[in-house]
Amino acid sequence: MKIEIEVKFAISNEDIENLVSSIEELFQCRKAEAFLQTTHQFFYEDWTKQDVFPRIRNEQGGDATLTVKVKTKSATDFFERKEFETIIASSDEIVGMMPYLGFPKKITWEKKRCAFIKDDPSGAMEICFFLDETPMGWFLEIEAGEEKIEETIALLKLTGSKRITKSYLGLWEDYKKERDLPALGEDMLFQR
């Protein structure tokens, strides 16, 4: 188990190239190739009473993972969860189990994710950066300890930008409401 602490920022198309260059230069890393990440998130019938959020998703190397996120605290400047994660052999089997474990509702969402990797493979990154293209637009996710995140926000000159501490599904709900788009449904998928 680990504690995941992160914050997101909405990024305009015009700012992506400069942002990527800044991250690569300041943190001696490079942006990896994007891959389509599909996540199946599971919910109670009344998700407002839910503090535990299981999900299954495909990872860049071809593995599938089962992750369980547990709320730790509310209303902070960071999105923080306890996170348990393991590689699984069969996504379909786990999806089939979820209703029997009390999670009858499934929402699927997609993003095209670019991770940033260290140029020197012997050095670990203290900060994880993910540049995500979603059906709602682009987001930068910064994951580290609170102090490192704050330092990184200042280095990337994002101090004046709106800090996002919601999950992508929470953002998806806001996006649909703001645009009166209930027909898009619960799943957050790219148009095909």
C-alpha atoms as a PDB file:
ATOM      1  CA  MET A   1       0.000   0.000   0.000  1.00  0.00           C
ATOM      2  CA  LYS A   2       1.139   3.503  -0.755  1.00  0.00           C
ATOM      3  CA  ILE A   3      -0.317   6.958  -0.284  1.00  0.00           C
ATOM      4  CA  GLU A   4      -0.937   8.624  -3.621  1.00  0.00           C
ATOM      5  CA  ILE A   5      -0.805  12.426  -3.551  1.00  0.00           C
ATOM      6  CA  GLU A   6      -1.428  14.311  -6.782  1.00  0.00           C
ATOM      7  CA  VAL A   7      -2.781  17.433  -8.378  1.00  0.00           C
ATOM      8  CA  LYS A   8      -3.958  18.074 -11.942  1.00  0.00           C
ATOM      9  CA  PHE A   9      -3.942  21.120 -14.187  1.00  0.00           C
ATOM     10  CA  ALA A  10      -5.974  21.661 -17.351  1.00  0.00           C
ATOM     11  CA  ILE A  11      -3.567  22.419 -20.202  1.00  0.00           C
ATOM     12  CA  SER A  12      -4.445  24.229 -23.424  1.00  0.00           C
ATOM     13  CA  ASN A  13      -3.271  22.798 -26.743  1.00  0.00           C
ATOM     14  CA  GLU A  14      -1.091  25.870 -27.264  1.00  0.00           C
ATOM     15  CA  ASP A  15       0.794  25.320 -23.977  1.00  0.00           C
ATOM     16  CA  ILE A  16       1.611  21.610 -24.345  1.00  0.00           C
ATOM     17  CA  GLU A  17       4.868  21.936 -26.291  1.00  0.00           C
ATOM     18  CA  ASN A  18       6.351  24.530 -23.889  1.00  0.00           C
ATOM     19  CA  LEU A  19       5.221  22.555 -20.858  1.00  0.00           C
ATOM     20  CA  VAL A  20       6.790  19.330 -22.150  1.00  0.00           C
ATOM     21  CA  SER A  21      10.052  21.156 -22.885  1.00  0.00           C
ATOM     22  CA  SER A  22      10.102  22.671 -19.398  1.00  0.00           C
ATOM     23  CA  ILE A  23       9.501  19.316 -17.685  1.00  0.00           C
ATOM     24  CA  GLU A  24      12.156  17.582 -19.786  1.00  0.00           C
ATOM     25  CA  GLU A  25      14.741  20.303 -19.148  1.00  0.00           C
ATOM     26  CA  LEU A  26      14.072  20.957 -15.457  1.00  0.00           C
ATOM     27  CA  PHE A  27      13.736  17.324 -14.416  1.00  0.00           C
ATOM     28  CA  GLN A  28      16.185  15.626 -16.855  1.00  0.00           C
ATOM     29  CA  CYS A  29      13.544  13.318 -18.282  1.00  0.00           C
ATOM     30  CA  ARG A  30      11.721  12.757 -21.539  1.00  0.00           C
ATOM     31  CA  LYS A  31       8.133  12.253 -22.573  1.00  0.00           C
ATOM     32  CA  ALA A  32       7.398   8.652 -23.545  1.00  0.00           C
ATOM     33  CA  GLU A  33       5.104   7.679 -26.398  1.00  0.00           C
ATOM     34  CA  ALA A  34       1.394   8.007 -25.679  1.00  0.00           C
ATOM     35  CA  PHE A  35      -0.735   4.922 -25.208  1.00  0.00           C
ATOM     36  CA  LEU A  36      -4.475   4.449 -24.843  1.00  0.00           C
ATOM     37  CA  GLN A  37      -5.334   3.612 -21.254  1.00  0.00           C
ATOM     38  CA  THR A  38      -8.793   2.169 -20.611  1.00  0.00           C
ATOM     39  CA  THR A  39     -10.065   2.081 -17.041  1.00  0.00           C
ATOM     40  CA  HIS A  40     -13.108   0.305 -15.627  1.00  0.00           C
ATOM     41  CA  GLN A  41     -14.140   1.909 -12.315  1.00  0.00           C
ATOM     42  CA  PHE A  42     -16.634   0.183 -10.005  1.00  0.00           C
ATOM     43  CA  PHE A  43     -19.242   1.769  -7.762  1.00  0.00           C
ATOM     44  CA  TYR A  44     -22.004   1.065  -5.263  1.00  0.00           C
ATOM     45  CA  GLU A  45     -25.522   1.806  -6.439  1.00  0.00           C
ATOM     46  CA  ASP A  46     -25.306   4.903  -4.194  1.00  0.00           C
ATOM     47  CA  TRP A  47     -21.716   5.986  -4.823  1.00  0.00           C
ATOM     48  CA  THR A  48     -22.057   8.979  -2.466  1.00  0.00           C
ATOM     49  CA  LYS A  49     -21.589   6.550   0.460  1.00  0.00           C
ATOM     50  CA  GLN A  50     -18.461   5.048  -1.075  1.00  0.00           C
ATOM     51  CA  ASP A  51     -14.939   5.480   0.334  1.00  0.00           C
ATOM     52  CA  VAL A  52     -13.365   2.531  -1.519  1.00  0.00           C
ATOM     53  CA  PHE A  53     -12.938   2.696  -5.309  1.00  0.00           C
ATOM     54  CA  PRO A  54     -11.752  -0.404  -7.186  1.00  0.00           C
ATOM     55  CA  ARG A  55     -10.653  -0.136 -10.801  1.00  0.00           C
ATOM     56  CA  ILE A  56      -9.102  -2.251 -13.533  1.00  0.00           C
ATOM     57  CA  ARG A  57      -6.993  -0.766 -16.293  1.00  0.00           C
ATOM     58  CA  ASN A  58      -4.530  -1.676 -18.992  1.00  0.00           C
ATOM     59  CA  GLU A  59      -0.981  -0.444 -18.479  1.00  0.00           C
ATOM     60  CA  GLN A  60       1.619   0.619 -21.018  1.00  0.00           C
ATOM     61  CA  GLY A  61       3.596  -2.630 -20.889  1.00  0.00           C
ATOM     62  CA  GLY A  62       0.509  -4.702 -21.663  1.00  0.00           C
ATOM     63  CA  ASP A  63      -0.279  -5.727 -18.083  1.00  0.00           C
ATOM     64  CA  ALA A  64      -3.691  -5.264 -16.526  1.00  0.00           C
ATOM     65  CA  THR A  65      -3.850  -3.981 -12.953  1.00  0.00           C
ATOM     66  CA  LEU A  66      -6.438  -4.063 -10.224  1.00  0.00           C
ATOM     67  CA  THR A  67      -6.172  -0.952  -8.071  1.00  0.00           C
ATOM     68  CA  VAL A  68      -8.179  -0.111  -4.989  1.00  0.00           C
ATOM     69  CA  LYS A  69      -8.143   3.525  -3.895  1.00  0.00           C
ATOM     70  CA  VAL A  70      -9.352   4.494  -0.425  1.00  0.00           C
ATOM     71  CA  LYS A  71     -10.237   8.060   0.603  1.00  0.00           C
ATOM     72  CA  THR A  72      -7.885   9.392   3.263  1.00  0.00           C
ATOM     73  CA  LYS A  73      -9.055  12.945   3.925  1.00  0.00           C
ATOM     74  CA  SER A  74     -11.230  15.547   2.315  1.00  0.00           C
ATOM     75  CA  ALA A  75     -11.009  19.122   1.104  1.00  0.00           C
ATOM     76  CA  THR A  76      -7.299  19.728   0.702  1.00  0.00           C
ATOM     77  CA  ASP A  77      -5.117  21.261  -1.975  1.00  0.00           C
ATOM     78  CA  PHE A  78      -4.244  17.723  -3.106  1.00  0.00           C
ATOM     79  CA  PHE A  79      -6.018  14.587  -4.292  1.00  0.00           C
ATOM     80  CA  GLU A  80      -4.910  12.001  -1.737  1.00  0.00           C
ATOM     81  CA  ARG A  81      -5.786   8.315  -1.533  1.00  0.00           C
ATOM     82  CA  LYS A  82      -4.403   5.092  -0.105  1.00  0.00           C
ATOM     83  CA  GLU A  83      -3.611   2.931  -3.095  1.00  0.00           C
ATOM     84  CA  PHE A  84      -3.351  -0.861  -3.312  1.00  0.00           C
ATOM     85  CA  GLU A  85      -2.345  -2.254  -6.703  1.00  0.00           C
ATOM     86  CA  THR A  86      -1.566  -5.628  -8.216  1.00  0.00           C
ATOM     87  CA  ILE A  87      -1.146  -7.122 -11.672  1.00  0.00           C
ATOM     88  CA  ILE A  88      -3.991  -9.441 -12.668  1.00  0.00           C
ATOM     89  CA  ALA A  89      -4.180 -12.277 -15.165  1.00  0.00           C
ATOM     90  CA  SER A  90      -7.737 -11.713 -16.374  1.00  0.00           C
ATOM     91  CA  SER A  91      -9.584  -8.402 -16.478  1.00  0.00           C
ATOM     92  CA  ASP A  92     -12.800 -10.128 -17.540  1.00  0.00           C
ATOM     93  CA  GLU A  93     -12.805 -12.397 -14.470  1.00  0.00           C
ATOM     94  CA  ILE A  94     -12.337  -9.468 -12.079  1.00  0.00           C
ATOM     95  CA  VAL A  95     -15.026  -7.426 -13.874  1.00  0.00           C
ATOM     96  CA  GLY A  96     -17.382 -10.398 -13.430  1.00  0.00           C
ATOM     97  CA  MET A  97     -16.599 -10.601  -9.692  1.00  0.00           C
ATOM     98  CA  MET A  98     -17.303  -6.961  -8.852  1.00  0.00           C
ATOM     99  CA  PRO A  99     -21.118  -7.171  -8.555  1.00  0.00           C
ATOM    100  CA  TYR A 100     -20.694 -10.032  -6.066  1.00  0.00           C
ATOM    101  CA  LEU A 101     -18.309  -7.879  -4.035  1.00  0.00           C
ATOM    102  CA  GLY A 102     -20.913  -5.106  -3.737  1.00  0.00           C
ATOM    103  CA  PHE A 103     -19.917  -2.980  -6.757  1.00  0.00           C
ATOM    104  CA  PRO A 104     -22.718  -3.470  -9.313  1.00  0.00           C
ATOM    105  CA  LYS A 105     -22.051  -0.303 -11.328  1.00  0.00           C
ATOM    106  CA  LYS A 106     -19.194   0.008 -13.837  1.00  0.00           C
ATOM    107  CA  ILE A 107     -18.072   3.180 -15.625  1.00  0.00           C
ATOM    108  CA  THR A 108     -15.414   2.972 -18.327  1.00  0.00           C
ATOM    109  CA  TRP A 109     -13.129   5.845 -19.231  1.00  0.00           C
ATOM    110  CA  GLU A 110     -10.277   6.429 -21.619  1.00  0.00           C
ATOM    111  CA  LYS A 111      -7.282   8.677 -21.835  1.00  0.00           C
ATOM    112  CA  LYS A 112      -4.184   8.841 -24.009  1.00  0.00           C
ATOM    113  CA  ARG A 113      -1.386   8.959 -21.466  1.00  0.00           C
ATOM    114  CA  CYS A 114       2.212  10.110 -21.835  1.00  0.00           C
ATOM    115  CA  ALA A 115       4.439   9.398 -18.872  1.00  0.00           C
ATOM    116  CA  PHE A 116       7.793  11.086 -18.397  1.00  0.00           C
ATOM    117  CA  ILE A 117      10.780   8.822 -17.858  1.00  0.00           C
ATOM    118  CA  LYS A 118      14.258   9.520 -16.574  1.00  0.00           C
ATOM    119  CA  ASP A 119      16.951   9.815 -19.252  1.00  0.00           C
ATOM    120  CA  ASP A 120      19.312   7.941 -16.950  1.00  0.00           C
ATOM    121  CA  PRO A 121      17.562   4.619 -16.176  1.00  0.00           C
ATOM    122  CA  SER A 122      19.607   4.192 -12.978  1.00  0.00           C
ATOM    123  CA  GLY A 123      18.009   7.289 -11.449  1.00  0.00           C
ATOM    124  CA  ALA A 124      14.487   7.172 -10.048  1.00  0.00           C
ATOM    125  CA  MET A 125      12.092  10.050 -10.532  1.00  0.00           C
ATOM    126  CA  GLU A 126      11.002  11.697  -7.286  1.00  0.00           C
ATOM    127  CA  ILE A 127       8.066  13.250  -9.129  1.00  0.00           C
ATOM    128  CA  CYS A 128       5.766  11.487 -11.579  1.00  0.00           C
ATOM    129  CA  PHE A 129       4.399  13.508 -14.475  1.00  0.00           C
ATOM    130  CA  PHE A 130       1.579  12.335 -16.709  1.00  0.00           C
ATOM    131  CA  LEU A 131       0.289  14.287 -19.684  1.00  0.00           C
ATOM    132  CA  ASP A 132      -3.201  12.982 -20.399  1.00  0.00           C
ATOM    133  CA  GLU A 133      -5.407  13.650 -23.390  1.00  0.00           C
ATOM    134  CA  THR A 134      -9.025  12.946 -22.465  1.00  0.00           C
ATOM    135  CA  PRO A 135     -12.354  13.469 -24.258  1.00  0.00           C
ATOM    136  CA  MET A 136     -12.550  16.711 -22.196  1.00  0.00           C
ATOM    137  CA  GLY A 137      -9.121  18.036 -23.184  1.00  0.00           C
ATOM    138  CA  TRP A 138      -5.542  17.887 -21.890  1.00  0.00           C
ATOM    139  CA  PHE A 139      -4.388  17.590 -18.273  1.00  0.00           C
ATOM    140  CA  LEU A 140      -1.034  17.484 -16.526  1.00  0.00           C
ATOM    141  CA  GLU A 141      -0.956  15.265 -13.453  1.00  0.00           C
ATOM    142  CA  ILE A 142       1.841  15.727 -10.912  1.00  0.00           C
ATOM    143  CA  GLU A 143       2.323  12.995  -8.329  1.00  0.00           C
ATOM    144  CA  ALA A 144       4.772  13.224  -5.398  1.00  0.00           C
ATOM    145  CA  GLY A 145       4.802  14.367  -1.777  1.00  0.00           C
ATOM    146  CA  GLU A 146       3.044  17.645  -0.981  1.00  0.00           C
ATOM    147  CA  GLU A 147       6.266  19.643  -0.647  1.00  0.00           C
ATOM    148  CA  LYS A 148       7.703  18.317  -3.938  1.00  0.00           C
ATOM    149  CA  ILE A 149       4.424  19.056  -5.715  1.00  0.00           C
ATOM    150  CA  GLU A 150       4.462  22.649  -4.460  1.00  0.00           C
ATOM    151  CA  GLU A 151       8.093  23.102  -5.591  1.00  0.00           C
ATOM    152  CA  THR A 152       7.245  21.635  -8.985  1.00  0.00           C
ATOM    153  CA  ILE A 153       4.210  23.884  -9.444  1.00  0.00           C
ATOM    154  CA  ALA A 154       6.439  26.908  -8.796  1.00  0.00           C
ATOM    155  CA  LEU A 155       9.209  25.668 -11.145  1.00  0.00           C
ATOM    156  CA  LEU A 156       6.692  25.074 -13.953  1.00  0.00           C
ATOM    157  CA  LYS A 157       5.112  28.506 -13.333  1.00  0.00           C
ATOM    158  CA  LEU A 158       1.697  26.953 -12.648  1.00  0.00           C
ATOM    159  CA  THR A 159       1.155  28.797  -9.359  1.00  0.00           C
ATOM    160  CA  GLY A 160      -1.594  30.975 -10.848  1.00  0.00           C
ATOM    161  CA  SER A 161      -3.302  28.063 -12.619  1.00  0.00           C
ATOM    162  CA  LYS A 162      -6.403  26.375 -11.262  1.00  0.00           C
ATOM    163  CA  ARG A 163      -5.456  23.353  -9.162  1.00  0.00           C
ATOM    164  CA  ILE A 164      -7.675  20.304  -9.782  1.00  0.00           C
ATOM    165  CA  THR A 165      -8.120  17.769  -6.998  1.00  0.00           C
ATOM    166  CA  LYS A 166     -10.928  15.714  -8.520  1.00  0.00           C
ATOM    167  CA  SER A 167     -10.794  12.379 -10.262  1.00  0.00           C
ATOM    168  CA  TYR A 168     -11.318  12.263 -14.015  1.00  0.00           C
ATOM    169  CA  LEU A 169     -14.818  10.890 -13.511  1.00  0.00           C
ATOM    170  CA  GLY A 170     -15.660  13.822 -11.223  1.00  0.00           C
ATOM    171  CA  LEU A 171     -14.330  16.190 -13.878  1.00  0.00           C
ATOM    172  CA  TRP A 172     -16.381  14.328 -16.516  1.00  0.00           C
ATOM    173  CA  GLU A 173     -19.580  14.916 -14.523  1.00  0.00           C
ATOM    174  CA  ASP A 174     -18.761  18.638 -14.230  1.00  0.00           C
ATOM    175  CA  TYR A 175     -17.894  18.837 -17.941  1.00  0.00           C
ATOM    176  CA  LYS A 176     -21.246  17.324 -18.986  1.00  0.00           C
ATOM    177  CA  LYS A 177     -23.267  19.539 -16.599  1.00  0.00           C
ATOM    178  CA  GLU A 178     -21.500  22.752 -17.679  1.00  0.00           C
ATOM    179  CA  ARG A 179     -22.264  21.989 -21.315  1.00  0.00           C
ATOM    180  CA  ASP A 180     -25.687  20.358 -20.779  1.00  0.00           C
ATOM    181  CA  LEU A 181     -24.509  17.120 -22.403  1.00  0.00           C
ATOM    182  CA  PRO A 182     -26.297  14.310 -20.532  1.00  0.00           C
ATOM    183  CA  ALA A 183     -26.490  12.311 -23.775  1.00  0.00           C
ATOM    184  CA  LEU A 184     -22.749  11.617 -23.489  1.00  0.00           C
ATOM    185  CA  GLY A 185     -23.607   9.076 -20.766  1.00  0.00           C
ATOM    186  CA  GLU A 186     -21.510   7.965 -17.841  1.00  0.00           C
ATOM    187  CA  ASP A 187     -18.648   6.430 -19.804  1.00  0.00           C
ATOM    188  CA  MET A 188     -15.877   8.865 -20.794  1.00  0.00           C
ATOM    189  CA  LEU A 189     -14.793   7.607 -24.193  1.00  0.00           C
ATOM    190  CA  PHE A 190     -13.174   9.116 -27.271  1.00  0.00           C
ATOM    191  CA  GLN A 191     -15.514   9.519 -30.238  1.00  0.00           C
ATOM    192  CA  ARG A 192     -14.918   6.814 -32.811  1.00  0.00           C
END
